[in-house]
């Protein structure tokens, strides 16, 4: 599990949805500093937060943990 890659993916998803760290934190009930720590790979969201992130961004927990969308990973693997 690559925390930096996961964090970059969370940041990518947030930006695609035109959310600030503050706005995402408000939706999830955490601070903008917590979002920043996730995005920089300092901390990992717990499983409950991973589930909430998945619902918010319409991705699976597995995709978040992989740090990329499934279709991208499958394309790279040649599937």
C-alpha atoms as a PDB file:
ATOM      1  CA  UNK A   1       0.000   0.000   0.000  1.00  0.00           C
ATOM      2  CA  UNK A   2       1.536   3.281  -1.149  1.00  0.00           C
ATOM      3  CA  UNK A   3       0.247   6.077   1.110  1.00  0.00           C
ATOM      4  CA  UNK A   4       1.610   8.804  -1.157  1.00  0.00           C
ATOM      5  CA  UNK A   5      -0.108   7.300  -4.215  1.00  0.00           C
ATOM      6  CA  UNK A   6      -3.366   6.923  -2.292  1.00  0.00           C
ATOM      7  CA  UNK A   7      -3.123  10.518  -1.114  1.00  0.00           C
ATOM      8  CA  UNK A   8      -2.486  11.789  -4.630  1.00  0.00           C
ATOM      9  CA  UNK A   9      -5.529   9.848  -5.837  1.00  0.00           C
ATOM     10  CA  UNK A  10      -7.722  11.357  -3.119  1.00  0.00           C
ATOM     11  CA  UNK A  11      -6.482  14.824  -4.124  1.00  0.00           C
ATOM     12  CA  UNK A  12      -7.196  14.042  -7.793  1.00  0.00           C
ATOM     13  CA  UNK A  13     -10.737  12.920  -6.981  1.00  0.00           C
ATOM     14  CA  UNK A  14     -11.350  15.982  -4.821  1.00  0.00           C
ATOM     15  CA  UNK A  15     -10.156  18.360  -7.535  1.00  0.00           C
ATOM     16  CA  UNK A  16     -12.192  16.577 -10.233  1.00  0.00           C
ATOM     17  CA  UNK A  17     -15.240  17.290  -8.088  1.00  0.00           C
ATOM     18  CA  UNK A  18     -14.271  20.946  -7.617  1.00  0.00           C
ATOM     19  CA  UNK A  19     -14.013  20.606  -3.848  1.00  0.00           C
ATOM     20  CA  UNK A  20     -11.613  22.390  -1.562  1.00  0.00           C
ATOM     21  CA  UNK A  21     -10.003  20.484   1.272  1.00  0.00           C
ATOM     22  CA  UNK A  22     -12.297  22.425   3.609  1.00  0.00           C
ATOM     23  CA  UNK A  23     -15.431  21.491   1.643  1.00  0.00           C
ATOM     24  CA  UNK A  24     -14.497  17.798   1.538  1.00  0.00           C
ATOM     25  CA  UNK A  25     -13.637  17.869   5.230  1.00  0.00           C
ATOM     26  CA  UNK A  26     -17.025  19.418   6.012  1.00  0.00           C
ATOM     27  CA  UNK A  27     -18.802  16.678   4.043  1.00  0.00           C
ATOM     28  CA  UNK A  28     -16.884  13.939   5.871  1.00  0.00           C
ATOM     29  CA  UNK A  29     -16.867  15.532   9.321  1.00  0.00           C
ATOM     30  CA  UNK A  30     -13.104  16.024   9.503  1.00  0.00           C
ATOM     31  CA  UNK A  31     -10.852  19.072   9.330  1.00  0.00           C
ATOM     32  CA  UNK A  32      -9.165  20.422   6.224  1.00  0.00           C
ATOM     33  CA  UNK A  33      -5.855  19.556   7.914  1.00  0.00           C
ATOM     34  CA  UNK A  34      -6.913  15.915   8.049  1.00  0.00           C
ATOM     35  CA  UNK A  35      -7.674  15.997   4.309  1.00  0.00           C
ATOM     36  CA  UNK A  36      -4.269  17.588   3.708  1.00  0.00           C
ATOM     37  CA  UNK A  37      -2.544  14.865   5.726  1.00  0.00           C
ATOM     38  CA  UNK A  38      -4.313  12.168   3.723  1.00  0.00           C
ATOM     39  CA  UNK A  39      -3.415  13.828   0.433  1.00  0.00           C
ATOM     40  CA  UNK A  40       0.257  14.149   1.326  1.00  0.00           C
ATOM     41  CA  UNK A  41       0.445  10.560   2.564  1.00  0.00           C
ATOM     42  CA  UNK A  42       1.211  11.515   6.165  1.00  0.00           C
ATOM     43  CA  UNK A  43      -1.882   9.670   7.420  1.00  0.00           C
ATOM     44  CA  UNK A  44      -4.270   7.132   5.961  1.00  0.00           C
ATOM     45  CA  UNK A  45      -8.041   7.421   6.267  1.00  0.00           C
ATOM     46  CA  UNK A  46      -9.541   4.662   8.414  1.00  0.00           C
ATOM     47  CA  UNK A  47     -11.868   2.111   6.805  1.00  0.00           C
ATOM     48  CA  UNK A  48     -14.993   4.120   7.635  1.00  0.00           C
ATOM     49  CA  UNK A  49     -13.511   7.183   5.947  1.00  0.00           C
ATOM     50  CA  UNK A  50     -12.424   5.104   2.949  1.00  0.00           C
ATOM     51  CA  UNK A  51     -16.034   3.976   2.567  1.00  0.00           C
ATOM     52  CA  UNK A  52     -17.313   7.556   2.819  1.00  0.00           C
ATOM     53  CA  UNK A  53     -14.730   8.726   0.282  1.00  0.00           C
ATOM     54  CA  UNK A  54     -15.791   5.941  -2.055  1.00  0.00           C
ATOM     55  CA  UNK A  55     -19.428   6.969  -1.830  1.00  0.00           C
ATOM     56  CA  UNK A  56     -18.590  10.642  -2.255  1.00  0.00           C
ATOM     57  CA  UNK A  57     -16.471  10.080  -5.362  1.00  0.00           C
ATOM     58  CA  UNK A  58     -18.254   6.976  -6.723  1.00  0.00           C
ATOM     59  CA  UNK A  59     -15.174   4.761  -6.580  1.00  0.00           C
ATOM     60  CA  UNK A  60     -14.567   1.550  -4.666  1.00  0.00           C
ATOM     61  CA  UNK A  61     -12.468   1.256  -1.536  1.00  0.00           C
ATOM     62  CA  UNK A  62     -10.198  -1.056  -3.562  1.00  0.00           C
ATOM     63  CA  UNK A  63      -9.653   1.710  -6.104  1.00  0.00           C
ATOM     64  CA  UNK A  64      -8.738   4.173  -3.355  1.00  0.00           C
ATOM     65  CA  UNK A  65      -6.307   1.689  -1.816  1.00  0.00           C
ATOM     66  CA  UNK A  66      -4.800   1.008  -5.254  1.00  0.00           C
ATOM     67  CA  UNK A  67      -4.508   4.747  -5.806  1.00  0.00           C
ATOM     68  CA  UNK A  68      -6.141   4.560  -9.224  1.00  0.00           C
ATOM     69  CA  UNK A  69      -9.371   3.723 -10.977  1.00  0.00           C
ATOM     70  CA  UNK A  70      -9.930   0.086 -11.881  1.00  0.00           C
ATOM     71  CA  UNK A  71     -10.253   0.755 -15.596  1.00  0.00           C
ATOM     72  CA  UNK A  72      -6.877   2.519 -15.598  1.00  0.00           C
ATOM     73  CA  UNK A  73      -5.206  -0.331 -13.716  1.00  0.00           C
ATOM     74  CA  UNK A  74      -6.765  -2.908 -16.062  1.00  0.00           C
ATOM     75  CA  UNK A  75      -5.642  -0.970 -19.139  1.00  0.00           C
ATOM     76  CA  UNK A  76      -2.069  -0.753 -17.835  1.00  0.00           C
ATOM     77  CA  UNK A  77      -2.080  -4.489 -17.092  1.00  0.00           C
ATOM     78  CA  UNK A  78      -3.234  -5.128 -20.657  1.00  0.00           C
ATOM     79  CA  UNK A  79      -6.645  -6.528 -19.722  1.00  0.00           C
END
